[in-house]
């Protein structure tokens, strides 16, 4: 596996997003199987594992902690704070919470769940309009000074938020959605990250599975799957957006790769300081995704893809409206 730098943090070129093992894509997967999958990912070269207190809540951090405990010093664990979640019941309250005292409590609880003495990369999960970002950065800076956190990250933050936070505590990475299915970060965010030397971690790099070519307008999601609420994944939008999947399939056929590998290889080709975090609960999908690191897209390939993308308009919003309101993008 190739390695990449997010700021001054070295990680595998492709990481593993662990959310779907515990939440969002239907019922939680079998714990023993997921522990084995996470360890297999490391055997294949993955060093970058992404989780959050909100995934479960808490269940995903516990899973990741259990899986990585035997190899803790060989991996980078990223987790997140920022919501109102009861520490005893796991019940999710309304809105965001990045009050400094809350950040500290969440971080210290996460250390226990993750079975570790430090968090390699701690993200603010969503910007909290009630708390100045300078206070958030200051709280994480204190945790870094104490050795409980090593690096500071922001998720779904706008460029001014990134600049203000970075002035207080250097930001190592920003995590936001980015893929052939959603290119919004290209407009403002990525140039600023390049300017400041901040790494980029695309989540949903396969368009919540759509870019794999395994989903069409007839696909039915589990009743608890969040994709039922995503406008661009509504049946009619999926039907219209299949033209994008055809593009990816055509490139994949020409390169002897799979659509998922082309989607990930395209991301890797965009810049050096990038580490996408596709998620899966299946060993063969994990191996397929990691194979993208060996797929080389030429300048002509990238121009061809870019020209086709410029002529295609994705139908439907990328997230439900209430979620988009919490995003800085």
C-alpha atoms as a PDB file:
ATOM      1  CA  UNK A   1       0.000   0.000   0.000  1.00  0.00           C
ATOM      2  CA  UNK A   2       1.262   3.457  -0.887  1.00  0.00           C
ATOM      3  CA  UNK A   3       1.507   6.013   1.907  1.00  0.00           C
ATOM      4  CA  UNK A   4       0.316   9.602   1.840  1.00  0.00           C
ATOM      5  CA  UNK A   5       0.784  12.636   4.099  1.00  0.00           C
ATOM      6  CA  UNK A   6      -2.135  14.502   5.641  1.00  0.00           C
ATOM      7  CA  UNK A   7      -0.214  17.554   6.745  1.00  0.00           C
ATOM      8  CA  UNK A   8       2.550  15.919   8.798  1.00  0.00           C
ATOM      9  CA  UNK A   9       0.543  12.768   9.541  1.00  0.00           C
ATOM     10  CA  UNK A  10       1.472   9.729   7.441  1.00  0.00           C
ATOM     11  CA  UNK A  11      -1.384   7.377   6.531  1.00  0.00           C
ATOM     12  CA  UNK A  12      -2.133   4.723   3.948  1.00  0.00           C
ATOM     13  CA  UNK A  13      -3.274   6.106   0.580  1.00  0.00           C
ATOM     14  CA  UNK A  14      -6.637   4.439   1.133  1.00  0.00           C
ATOM     15  CA  UNK A  15      -8.127   4.244   4.604  1.00  0.00           C
ATOM     16  CA  UNK A  16     -11.117   2.383   6.006  1.00  0.00           C
ATOM     17  CA  UNK A  17     -14.292   4.160   7.015  1.00  0.00           C
ATOM     18  CA  UNK A  18     -15.803   2.031   9.752  1.00  0.00           C
ATOM     19  CA  UNK A  19     -19.194   3.757  10.229  1.00  0.00           C
ATOM     20  CA  UNK A  20     -21.228   1.288   8.173  1.00  0.00           C
ATOM     21  CA  UNK A  21     -20.139  -1.615  10.351  1.00  0.00           C
ATOM     22  CA  UNK A  22     -22.261  -0.244  13.188  1.00  0.00           C
ATOM     23  CA  UNK A  23     -24.699   2.320  11.778  1.00  0.00           C
ATOM     24  CA  UNK A  24     -26.344   4.130   8.871  1.00  0.00           C
ATOM     25  CA  UNK A  25     -26.423   1.355   6.248  1.00  0.00           C
ATOM     26  CA  UNK A  26     -28.863  -0.983   7.976  1.00  0.00           C
ATOM     27  CA  UNK A  27     -28.519  -3.265  11.019  1.00  0.00           C
ATOM     28  CA  UNK A  28     -25.064  -3.520  12.624  1.00  0.00           C
ATOM     29  CA  UNK A  29     -22.828  -6.222  11.183  1.00  0.00           C
ATOM     30  CA  UNK A  30     -21.525  -9.149  13.220  1.00  0.00           C
ATOM     31  CA  UNK A  31     -18.870  -7.870  15.627  1.00  0.00           C
ATOM     32  CA  UNK A  32     -16.471 -10.789  15.278  1.00  0.00           C
ATOM     33  CA  UNK A  33     -16.613 -10.555  11.494  1.00  0.00           C
ATOM     34  CA  UNK A  34     -15.936  -6.819  11.595  1.00  0.00           C
ATOM     35  CA  UNK A  35     -13.002  -7.226  13.973  1.00  0.00           C
ATOM     36  CA  UNK A  36     -11.554  -9.735  11.515  1.00  0.00           C
ATOM     37  CA  UNK A  37     -12.249  -7.392   8.583  1.00  0.00           C
ATOM     38  CA  UNK A  38     -10.493  -4.443  10.246  1.00  0.00           C
ATOM     39  CA  UNK A  39      -7.456  -6.588  11.050  1.00  0.00           C
ATOM     40  CA  UNK A  40      -7.432  -7.956   7.497  1.00  0.00           C
ATOM     41  CA  UNK A  41      -7.415  -4.376   6.220  1.00  0.00           C
ATOM     42  CA  UNK A  42      -4.280  -3.734   8.236  1.00  0.00           C
ATOM     43  CA  UNK A  43      -2.711  -6.932   6.904  1.00  0.00           C
ATOM     44  CA  UNK A  44      -3.277  -5.483   3.417  1.00  0.00           C
ATOM     45  CA  UNK A  45      -1.547  -2.208   4.300  1.00  0.00           C
ATOM     46  CA  UNK A  46      -4.288   0.024   5.691  1.00  0.00           C
ATOM     47  CA  UNK A  47      -3.096   2.225   8.556  1.00  0.00           C
ATOM     48  CA  UNK A  48      -5.887   4.835   8.554  1.00  0.00           C
ATOM     49  CA  UNK A  49      -9.119   3.905  10.366  1.00  0.00           C
ATOM     50  CA  UNK A  50     -12.016   6.343  10.753  1.00  0.00           C
ATOM     51  CA  UNK A  51     -14.772   6.263  13.373  1.00  0.00           C
ATOM     52  CA  UNK A  52     -16.843   8.653  15.551  1.00  0.00           C
ATOM     53  CA  UNK A  53     -18.749   8.741  18.813  1.00  0.00           C
ATOM     54  CA  UNK A  54     -21.952   9.283  16.791  1.00  0.00           C
ATOM     55  CA  UNK A  55     -21.666   5.963  14.942  1.00  0.00           C
ATOM     56  CA  UNK A  56     -23.879   3.747  17.010  1.00  0.00           C
ATOM     57  CA  UNK A  57     -23.597   5.924  19.092  1.00  0.00           C
ATOM     58  CA  UNK A  58     -20.410   4.655  20.726  1.00  0.00           C
ATOM     59  CA  UNK A  59     -20.648   1.125  19.275  1.00  0.00           C
ATOM     60  CA  UNK A  60     -18.290   1.824  16.389  1.00  0.00           C
ATOM     61  CA  UNK A  61     -15.566   3.291  18.595  1.00  0.00           C
ATOM     62  CA  UNK A  62     -15.763   0.206  20.812  1.00  0.00           C
ATOM     63  CA  UNK A  63     -15.517  -2.050  17.756  1.00  0.00           C
ATOM     64  CA  UNK A  64     -12.542  -0.180  16.335  1.00  0.00           C
ATOM     65  CA  UNK A  65     -10.834  -0.130  19.713  1.00  0.00           C
ATOM     66  CA  UNK A  66     -11.240  -3.863  20.127  1.00  0.00           C
ATOM     67  CA  UNK A  67     -10.036  -4.618  16.612  1.00  0.00           C
ATOM     68  CA  UNK A  68      -6.970  -2.385  16.706  1.00  0.00           C
ATOM     69  CA  UNK A  69      -5.820  -2.926  20.296  1.00  0.00           C
ATOM     70  CA  UNK A  70      -3.245  -5.624  19.349  1.00  0.00           C
ATOM     71  CA  UNK A  71      -1.728  -3.393  16.630  1.00  0.00           C
ATOM     72  CA  UNK A  72      -2.357   0.014  18.183  1.00  0.00           C
ATOM     73  CA  UNK A  73       1.130   1.405  17.563  1.00  0.00           C
ATOM     74  CA  UNK A  74       0.971   0.528  13.858  1.00  0.00           C
ATOM     75  CA  UNK A  75      -2.210   2.453  12.968  1.00  0.00           C
ATOM     76  CA  UNK A  76      -3.788   5.898  12.898  1.00  0.00           C
ATOM     77  CA  UNK A  77      -7.183   6.160  14.595  1.00  0.00           C
ATOM     78  CA  UNK A  78      -9.415   9.103  13.709  1.00  0.00           C
ATOM     79  CA  UNK A  79     -12.581   9.876  15.652  1.00  0.00           C
ATOM     80  CA  UNK A  80     -14.946  12.815  16.071  1.00  0.00           C
ATOM     81  CA  UNK A  81     -16.867  14.939  18.583  1.00  0.00           C
ATOM     82  CA  UNK A  82     -19.593  17.504  18.200  1.00  0.00           C
ATOM     83  CA  UNK A  83     -23.080  16.237  18.986  1.00  0.00           C
ATOM     84  CA  UNK A  84     -25.346  16.060  22.033  1.00  0.00           C
ATOM     85  CA  UNK A  85     -25.185  12.386  22.991  1.00  0.00           C
ATOM     86  CA  UNK A  86     -26.005  11.148  26.484  1.00  0.00           C
ATOM     87  CA  UNK A  87     -22.838   9.435  27.757  1.00  0.00           C
ATOM     88  CA  UNK A  88     -24.825   6.894  29.761  1.00  0.00           C
ATOM     89  CA  UNK A  89     -27.666   5.948  27.417  1.00  0.00           C
ATOM     90  CA  UNK A  90     -26.235   6.892  24.019  1.00  0.00           C
ATOM     91  CA  UNK A  91     -29.437   8.782  23.295  1.00  0.00           C
ATOM     92  CA  UNK A  92     -28.893  11.440  20.634  1.00  0.00           C
ATOM     93  CA  UNK A  93     -30.133  14.925  21.465  1.00  0.00           C
ATOM     94  CA  UNK A  94     -30.863  17.744  19.061  1.00  0.00           C
ATOM     95  CA  UNK A  95     -28.204  19.869  17.421  1.00  0.00           C
ATOM     96  CA  UNK A  96     -24.457  20.187  17.809  1.00  0.00           C
ATOM     97  CA  UNK A  97     -22.300  20.636  20.900  1.00  0.00           C
ATOM     98  CA  UNK A  98     -18.696  21.792  20.710  1.00  0.00           C
ATOM     99  CA  UNK A  99     -18.457  23.500  24.049  1.00  0.00           C
ATOM    100  CA  UNK A 100     -14.859  23.101  25.298  1.00  0.00           C
ATOM    101  CA  UNK A 101     -15.904  21.130  28.394  1.00  0.00           C
ATOM    102  CA  UNK A 102     -17.964  18.819  26.202  1.00  0.00           C
ATOM    103  CA  UNK A 103     -15.036  18.275  23.809  1.00  0.00           C
ATOM    104  CA  UNK A 104     -12.829  17.213  26.706  1.00  0.00           C
ATOM    105  CA  UNK A 105     -15.410  14.799  28.088  1.00  0.00           C
ATOM    106  CA  UNK A 106     -16.035  13.227  24.676  1.00  0.00           C
ATOM    107  CA  UNK A 107     -12.309  12.845  24.035  1.00  0.00           C
ATOM    108  CA  UNK A 108     -11.666  11.222  27.385  1.00  0.00           C
ATOM    109  CA  UNK A 109     -14.608   8.848  26.939  1.00  0.00           C
ATOM    110  CA  UNK A 110     -13.408   8.015  23.423  1.00  0.00           C
ATOM    111  CA  UNK A 111      -9.975   7.092  24.761  1.00  0.00           C
ATOM    112  CA  UNK A 112     -11.618   4.463  26.943  1.00  0.00           C
ATOM    113  CA  UNK A 113     -13.804   3.088  24.175  1.00  0.00           C
ATOM    114  CA  UNK A 114     -10.868   2.970  21.773  1.00  0.00           C
ATOM    115  CA  UNK A 115      -8.631   1.261  24.348  1.00  0.00           C
ATOM    116  CA  UNK A 116      -5.838   3.752  23.800  1.00  0.00           C
ATOM    117  CA  UNK A 117      -3.942   6.538  25.516  1.00  0.00           C
ATOM    118  CA  UNK A 118      -4.110   8.959  22.576  1.00  0.00           C
ATOM    119  CA  UNK A 119      -6.329   9.827  19.627  1.00  0.00           C
ATOM    120  CA  UNK A 120      -4.240  10.272  16.497  1.00  0.00           C
ATOM    121  CA  UNK A 121      -6.692  12.555  14.709  1.00  0.00           C
ATOM    122  CA  UNK A 122      -9.641  14.236  16.446  1.00  0.00           C
ATOM    123  CA  UNK A 123     -12.204  15.938  14.226  1.00  0.00           C
ATOM    124  CA  UNK A 124     -14.989  18.348  14.979  1.00  0.00           C
ATOM    125  CA  UNK A 125     -17.776  16.357  13.313  1.00  0.00           C
ATOM    126  CA  UNK A 126     -19.872  19.359  12.317  1.00  0.00           C
ATOM    127  CA  UNK A 127     -19.345  23.074  12.877  1.00  0.00           C
ATOM    128  CA  UNK A 128     -21.248  24.343  15.929  1.00  0.00           C
ATOM    129  CA  UNK A 129     -22.748  27.787  15.213  1.00  0.00           C
ATOM    130  CA  UNK A 130     -23.066  28.431  18.949  1.00  0.00           C
ATOM    131  CA  UNK A 131     -19.337  28.059  19.698  1.00  0.00           C
ATOM    132  CA  UNK A 132     -16.592  30.179  18.074  1.00  0.00           C
ATOM    133  CA  UNK A 133     -14.252  27.926  16.146  1.00  0.00           C
ATOM    134  CA  UNK A 134     -11.354  29.564  17.997  1.00  0.00           C
ATOM    135  CA  UNK A 135     -12.714  28.091  21.243  1.00  0.00           C
ATOM    136  CA  UNK A 136     -13.016  24.677  19.624  1.00  0.00           C
ATOM    137  CA  UNK A 137      -9.459  24.825  18.304  1.00  0.00           C
ATOM    138  CA  UNK A 138      -8.238  26.007  21.696  1.00  0.00           C
ATOM    139  CA  UNK A 139      -9.892  23.077  23.456  1.00  0.00           C
ATOM    140  CA  UNK A 140      -8.255  20.592  21.098  1.00  0.00           C
ATOM    141  CA  UNK A 141      -4.952  22.444  21.449  1.00  0.00           C
ATOM    142  CA  UNK A 142      -5.110  21.816  25.195  1.00  0.00           C
ATOM    143  CA  UNK A 143      -5.733  18.106  24.605  1.00  0.00           C
ATOM    144  CA  UNK A 144      -2.774  18.000  22.232  1.00  0.00           C
ATOM    145  CA  UNK A 145      -0.565  19.681  24.853  1.00  0.00           C
ATOM    146  CA  UNK A 146      -1.569  16.933  27.292  1.00  0.00           C
ATOM    147  CA  UNK A 147      -0.765  14.182  24.779  1.00  0.00           C
ATOM    148  CA  UNK A 148      -4.342  12.891  24.673  1.00  0.00           C
ATOM    149  CA  UNK A 149      -4.752  13.997  21.057  1.00  0.00           C
ATOM    150  CA  UNK A 150      -2.028  14.187  18.403  1.00  0.00           C
ATOM    151  CA  UNK A 151      -3.711  15.984  15.486  1.00  0.00           C
ATOM    152  CA  UNK A 152      -6.715  18.284  14.927  1.00  0.00           C
ATOM    153  CA  UNK A 153      -9.229  17.872  12.115  1.00  0.00           C
ATOM    154  CA  UNK A 154     -12.438  19.453  10.860  1.00  0.00           C
ATOM    155  CA  UNK A 155     -15.321  17.752   9.070  1.00  0.00           C
ATOM    156  CA  UNK A 156     -17.605  19.507   6.566  1.00  0.00           C
ATOM    157  CA  UNK A 157     -16.187  22.913   7.452  1.00  0.00           C
ATOM    158  CA  UNK A 158     -16.159  25.952   5.160  1.00  0.00           C
ATOM    159  CA  UNK A 159     -12.990  27.768   4.172  1.00  0.00           C
ATOM    160  CA  UNK A 160     -13.278  30.661   6.633  1.00  0.00           C
ATOM    161  CA  UNK A 161     -13.837  28.220   9.486  1.00  0.00           C
ATOM    162  CA  UNK A 162     -10.756  26.288   8.399  1.00  0.00           C
ATOM    163  CA  UNK A 163      -8.641  29.441   8.280  1.00  0.00           C
ATOM    164  CA  UNK A 164      -9.779  30.662  11.704  1.00  0.00           C
ATOM    165  CA  UNK A 165      -9.236  27.270  13.346  1.00  0.00           C
ATOM    166  CA  UNK A 166      -5.841  26.810  11.703  1.00  0.00           C
ATOM    167  CA  UNK A 167      -4.657  30.136  13.131  1.00  0.00           C
ATOM    168  CA  UNK A 168      -5.213  28.820  16.680  1.00  0.00           C
ATOM    169  CA  UNK A 169      -4.226  25.159  16.291  1.00  0.00           C
ATOM    170  CA  UNK A 170      -2.811  23.863  13.010  1.00  0.00           C
ATOM    171  CA  UNK A 171      -5.370  21.694  11.243  1.00  0.00           C
ATOM    172  CA  UNK A 172      -3.927  18.423   9.983  1.00  0.00           C
ATOM    173  CA  UNK A 173      -6.879  17.257   7.886  1.00  0.00           C
ATOM    174  CA  UNK A 174     -10.317  18.248   6.699  1.00  0.00           C
ATOM    175  CA  UNK A 175     -12.881  15.551   5.998  1.00  0.00           C
ATOM    176  CA  UNK A 176     -15.738  16.183   3.588  1.00  0.00           C
ATOM    177  CA  UNK A 177     -17.706  14.327   0.976  1.00  0.00           C
ATOM    178  CA  UNK A 178     -15.894  14.184  -2.360  1.00  0.00           C
ATOM    179  CA  UNK A 179     -16.231  11.824  -5.305  1.00  0.00           C
ATOM    180  CA  UNK A 180     -17.120  11.661  -8.957  1.00  0.00           C
ATOM    181  CA  UNK A 181     -20.685  11.979  -7.619  1.00  0.00           C
ATOM    182  CA  UNK A 182     -19.995  15.186  -5.623  1.00  0.00           C
ATOM    183  CA  UNK A 183     -17.213  17.585  -6.566  1.00  0.00           C
ATOM    184  CA  UNK A 184     -18.206  20.565  -4.424  1.00  0.00           C
ATOM    185  CA  UNK A 185     -14.886  20.809  -2.519  1.00  0.00           C
ATOM    186  CA  UNK A 186     -13.063  21.653  -5.751  1.00  0.00           C
ATOM    187  CA  UNK A 187     -14.567  25.134  -5.890  1.00  0.00           C
ATOM    188  CA  UNK A 188     -13.134  26.708  -2.724  1.00  0.00           C
ATOM    189  CA  UNK A 189     -12.048  24.149  -0.162  1.00  0.00           C
ATOM    190  CA  UNK A 190      -9.291  22.219  -1.923  1.00  0.00           C
ATOM    191  CA  UNK A 191      -7.339  25.320  -3.042  1.00  0.00           C
ATOM    192  CA  UNK A 192      -7.331  26.589   0.556  1.00  0.00           C
ATOM    193  CA  UNK A 193      -6.163  23.233   1.901  1.00  0.00           C
ATOM    194  CA  UNK A 194      -3.342  23.235  -0.641  1.00  0.00           C
ATOM    195  CA  UNK A 195      -2.411  26.778   0.401  1.00  0.00           C
ATOM    196  CA  UNK A 196      -2.304  25.886   4.102  1.00  0.00           C
ATOM    197  CA  UNK A 197      -0.718  22.453   3.740  1.00  0.00           C
ATOM    198  CA  UNK A 198      -3.751  20.643   5.159  1.00  0.00           C
ATOM    199  CA  UNK A 199      -4.597  17.074   4.138  1.00  0.00           C
ATOM    200  CA  UNK A 200      -7.957  15.999   2.758  1.00  0.00           C
ATOM    201  CA  UNK A 201     -10.000  12.916   3.677  1.00  0.00           C
ATOM    202  CA  UNK A 202     -12.947  12.273   1.334  1.00  0.00           C
ATOM    203  CA  UNK A 203     -15.815  10.392   2.903  1.00  0.00           C
ATOM    204  CA  UNK A 204     -18.393   8.594   0.766  1.00  0.00           C
ATOM    205  CA  UNK A 205     -15.805   8.332  -2.036  1.00  0.00           C
ATOM    206  CA  UNK A 206     -17.982   5.766  -3.802  1.00  0.00           C
ATOM    207  CA  UNK A 207     -21.126   7.902  -3.636  1.00  0.00           C
ATOM    208  CA  UNK A 208     -22.671   5.784  -0.850  1.00  0.00           C
ATOM    209  CA  UNK A 209     -22.181   2.745  -3.060  1.00  0.00           C
ATOM    210  CA  UNK A 210     -23.707   4.223  -6.219  1.00  0.00           C
ATOM    211  CA  UNK A 211     -20.404   4.425  -8.096  1.00  0.00           C
ATOM    212  CA  UNK A 212     -19.769   0.705  -7.657  1.00  0.00           C
ATOM    213  CA  UNK A 213     -22.347   0.013 -10.356  1.00  0.00           C
ATOM    214  CA  UNK A 214     -24.216  -2.360  -8.052  1.00  0.00           C
ATOM    215  CA  UNK A 215     -27.131   0.033  -7.403  1.00  0.00           C
ATOM    216  CA  UNK A 216     -29.833   1.127  -9.855  1.00  0.00           C
ATOM    217  CA  UNK A 217     -33.327   2.609  -9.660  1.00  0.00           C
ATOM    218  CA  UNK A 218     -34.830  -0.768  -8.683  1.00  0.00           C
ATOM    219  CA  UNK A 219     -32.521  -1.305  -5.680  1.00  0.00           C
ATOM    220  CA  UNK A 220     -34.309  -1.463  -2.322  1.00  0.00           C
ATOM    221  CA  UNK A 221     -32.436  -0.336   0.800  1.00  0.00           C
ATOM    222  CA  UNK A 222     -33.049  -1.676   4.308  1.00  0.00           C
ATOM    223  CA  UNK A 223     -35.654   0.364   6.195  1.00  0.00           C
ATOM    224  CA  UNK A 224     -32.958   1.670   8.567  1.00  0.00           C
ATOM    225  CA  UNK A 225     -30.543   2.641   5.768  1.00  0.00           C
ATOM    226  CA  UNK A 226     -29.917   6.399   5.657  1.00  0.00           C
ATOM    227  CA  UNK A 227     -29.813   6.287   1.852  1.00  0.00           C
ATOM    228  CA  UNK A 228     -33.606   6.188   1.886  1.00  0.00           C
ATOM    229  CA  UNK A 229     -33.429   9.868   2.929  1.00  0.00           C
ATOM    230  CA  UNK A 230     -30.830  11.039   0.384  1.00  0.00           C
ATOM    231  CA  UNK A 231     -32.483  13.002  -2.461  1.00  0.00           C
ATOM    232  CA  UNK A 232     -29.943  12.050  -5.133  1.00  0.00           C
ATOM    233  CA  UNK A 233     -30.503   8.375  -4.274  1.00  0.00           C
ATOM    234  CA  UNK A 234     -34.281   8.518  -4.658  1.00  0.00           C
ATOM    235  CA  UNK A 235     -35.363   6.084  -7.415  1.00  0.00           C
ATOM    236  CA  UNK A 236     -35.992   8.745 -10.080  1.00  0.00           C
ATOM    237  CA  UNK A 237     -32.726  10.518  -9.316  1.00  0.00           C
ATOM    238  CA  UNK A 238     -30.869   7.208  -9.440  1.00  0.00           C
ATOM    239  CA  UNK A 239     -32.366   6.509 -12.847  1.00  0.00           C
ATOM    240  CA  UNK A 240     -31.150   9.879 -14.167  1.00  0.00           C
ATOM    241  CA  UNK A 241     -27.742   9.516 -12.516  1.00  0.00           C
ATOM    242  CA  UNK A 242     -27.038   6.128 -14.095  1.00  0.00           C
ATOM    243  CA  UNK A 243     -25.343   8.021 -16.935  1.00  0.00           C
ATOM    244  CA  UNK A 244     -22.507   8.771 -14.530  1.00  0.00           C
ATOM    245  CA  UNK A 245     -22.231   5.097 -13.616  1.00  0.00           C
ATOM    246  CA  UNK A 246     -22.016   4.225 -17.309  1.00  0.00           C
ATOM    247  CA  UNK A 247     -19.102   6.615 -17.680  1.00  0.00           C
ATOM    248  CA  UNK A 248     -17.253   4.977 -14.795  1.00  0.00           C
ATOM    249  CA  UNK A 249     -18.025   1.487 -16.116  1.00  0.00           C
ATOM    250  CA  UNK A 250     -16.698   2.388 -19.562  1.00  0.00           C
ATOM    251  CA  UNK A 251     -13.415   3.671 -18.130  1.00  0.00           C
ATOM    252  CA  UNK A 252     -13.180   0.609 -15.880  1.00  0.00           C
ATOM    253  CA  UNK A 253     -13.629  -1.763 -18.810  1.00  0.00           C
ATOM    254  CA  UNK A 254     -10.870   0.007 -20.759  1.00  0.00           C
ATOM    255  CA  UNK A 255      -8.471  -0.143 -17.771  1.00  0.00           C
ATOM    256  CA  UNK A 256      -9.252  -3.718 -16.698  1.00  0.00           C
ATOM    257  CA  UNK A 257     -10.517  -2.453 -13.346  1.00  0.00           C
ATOM    258  CA  UNK A 258     -13.839  -2.237 -11.516  1.00  0.00           C
ATOM    259  CA  UNK A 259     -15.996   0.905 -11.311  1.00  0.00           C
ATOM    260  CA  UNK A 260     -15.179   1.259  -7.603  1.00  0.00           C
ATOM    261  CA  UNK A 261     -11.465   1.120  -8.359  1.00  0.00           C
ATOM    262  CA  UNK A 262     -11.770   3.814 -11.026  1.00  0.00           C
ATOM    263  CA  UNK A 263     -13.722   6.077  -8.663  1.00  0.00           C
ATOM    264  CA  UNK A 264     -11.052   5.718  -5.970  1.00  0.00           C
ATOM    265  CA  UNK A 265      -8.128   5.970  -8.402  1.00  0.00           C
ATOM    266  CA  UNK A 266      -9.605   9.223  -9.718  1.00  0.00           C
ATOM    267  CA  UNK A 267      -9.611  10.633  -6.188  1.00  0.00           C
ATOM    268  CA  UNK A 268      -6.033   9.540  -5.544  1.00  0.00           C
ATOM    269  CA  UNK A 269      -4.968  11.270  -8.757  1.00  0.00           C
ATOM    270  CA  UNK A 270      -6.407  14.632  -7.719  1.00  0.00           C
ATOM    271  CA  UNK A 271      -3.609  15.516  -5.258  1.00  0.00           C
ATOM    272  CA  UNK A 272      -0.969  13.893  -3.107  1.00  0.00           C
ATOM    273  CA  UNK A 273      -2.343  14.897   0.305  1.00  0.00           C
ATOM    274  CA  UNK A 274      -5.507  12.850   0.088  1.00  0.00           C
ATOM    275  CA  UNK A 275      -6.646   9.602   1.720  1.00  0.00           C
ATOM    276  CA  UNK A 276     -10.196   8.479   0.895  1.00  0.00           C
ATOM    277  CA  UNK A 277     -11.978   6.269   3.411  1.00  0.00           C
ATOM    278  CA  UNK A 278     -14.358   3.888   1.619  1.00  0.00           C
ATOM    279  CA  UNK A 279     -16.331   1.686   3.952  1.00  0.00           C
ATOM    280  CA  UNK A 280     -17.503  -1.886   3.596  1.00  0.00           C
ATOM    281  CA  UNK A 281     -18.585  -4.893   5.629  1.00  0.00           C
ATOM    282  CA  UNK A 282     -17.429  -7.415   3.021  1.00  0.00           C
ATOM    283  CA  UNK A 283     -13.914  -8.813   2.663  1.00  0.00           C
ATOM    284  CA  UNK A 284     -14.028  -9.039  -1.138  1.00  0.00           C
ATOM    285  CA  UNK A 285     -15.161  -5.402  -1.387  1.00  0.00           C
ATOM    286  CA  UNK A 286     -12.341  -4.347   0.928  1.00  0.00           C
ATOM    287  CA  UNK A 287      -9.814  -6.105  -1.282  1.00  0.00           C
ATOM    288  CA  UNK A 288     -11.396  -4.600  -4.400  1.00  0.00           C
ATOM    289  CA  UNK A 289     -11.276  -1.084  -2.960  1.00  0.00           C
ATOM    290  CA  UNK A 290      -7.659  -1.365  -1.889  1.00  0.00           C
ATOM    291  CA  UNK A 291      -6.775  -2.567  -5.376  1.00  0.00           C
ATOM    292  CA  UNK A 292      -7.513   0.962  -6.566  1.00  0.00           C
ATOM    293  CA  UNK A 293      -4.113   2.062  -5.279  1.00  0.00           C
ATOM    294  CA  UNK A 294      -2.540   0.045  -8.101  1.00  0.00           C
ATOM    295  CA  UNK A 295      -4.739   1.544 -10.838  1.00  0.00           C
ATOM    296  CA  UNK A 296      -2.974   4.269 -12.797  1.00  0.00           C
ATOM    297  CA  UNK A 297      -5.005   6.894 -14.646  1.00  0.00           C
ATOM    298  CA  UNK A 298      -3.066   8.757 -17.320  1.00  0.00           C
ATOM    299  CA  UNK A 299      -3.372  12.462 -18.020  1.00  0.00           C
ATOM    300  CA  UNK A 300      -5.517  11.537 -21.033  1.00  0.00           C
ATOM    301  CA  UNK A 301      -7.755   9.351 -18.843  1.00  0.00           C
ATOM    302  CA  UNK A 302      -8.234  12.193 -16.386  1.00  0.00           C
ATOM    303  CA  UNK A 303      -8.997  14.692 -19.154  1.00  0.00           C
ATOM    304  CA  UNK A 304     -11.543  12.306 -20.663  1.00  0.00           C
ATOM    305  CA  UNK A 305     -13.236  11.801 -17.304  1.00  0.00           C
ATOM    306  CA  UNK A 306     -13.142  15.534 -16.559  1.00  0.00           C
ATOM    307  CA  UNK A 307     -14.715  16.454 -19.894  1.00  0.00           C
ATOM    308  CA  UNK A 308     -17.493  13.913 -19.365  1.00  0.00           C
ATOM    309  CA  UNK A 309     -18.121  15.143 -15.819  1.00  0.00           C
ATOM    310  CA  UNK A 310     -18.346  18.751 -16.984  1.00  0.00           C
ATOM    311  CA  UNK A 311     -21.195  17.745 -19.262  1.00  0.00           C
ATOM    312  CA  UNK A 312     -23.128  15.864 -16.590  1.00  0.00           C
ATOM    313  CA  UNK A 313     -25.349  17.332 -13.887  1.00  0.00           C
ATOM    314  CA  UNK A 314     -26.088  15.078 -10.924  1.00  0.00           C
ATOM    315  CA  UNK A 315     -29.774  15.009 -10.032  1.00  0.00           C
ATOM    316  CA  UNK A 316     -30.794  15.462  -6.378  1.00  0.00           C
ATOM    317  CA  UNK A 317     -29.115  16.977  -3.315  1.00  0.00           C
ATOM    318  CA  UNK A 318     -26.233  15.012  -1.803  1.00  0.00           C
ATOM    319  CA  UNK A 319     -27.750  14.920   1.713  1.00  0.00           C
ATOM    320  CA  UNK A 320     -31.099  15.629   3.375  1.00  0.00           C
ATOM    321  CA  UNK A 321     -31.745  19.343   3.880  1.00  0.00           C
ATOM    322  CA  UNK A 322     -31.446  19.203   7.685  1.00  0.00           C
ATOM    323  CA  UNK A 323     -27.990  17.645   7.373  1.00  0.00           C
ATOM    324  CA  UNK A 324     -26.865  20.078   4.705  1.00  0.00           C
ATOM    325  CA  UNK A 325     -27.691  22.975   7.050  1.00  0.00           C
ATOM    326  CA  UNK A 326     -24.937  21.721   9.383  1.00  0.00           C
ATOM    327  CA  UNK A 327     -22.395  21.641   6.587  1.00  0.00           C
ATOM    328  CA  UNK A 328     -20.106  24.500   5.670  1.00  0.00           C
ATOM    329  CA  UNK A 329     -19.980  23.355   2.039  1.00  0.00           C
END
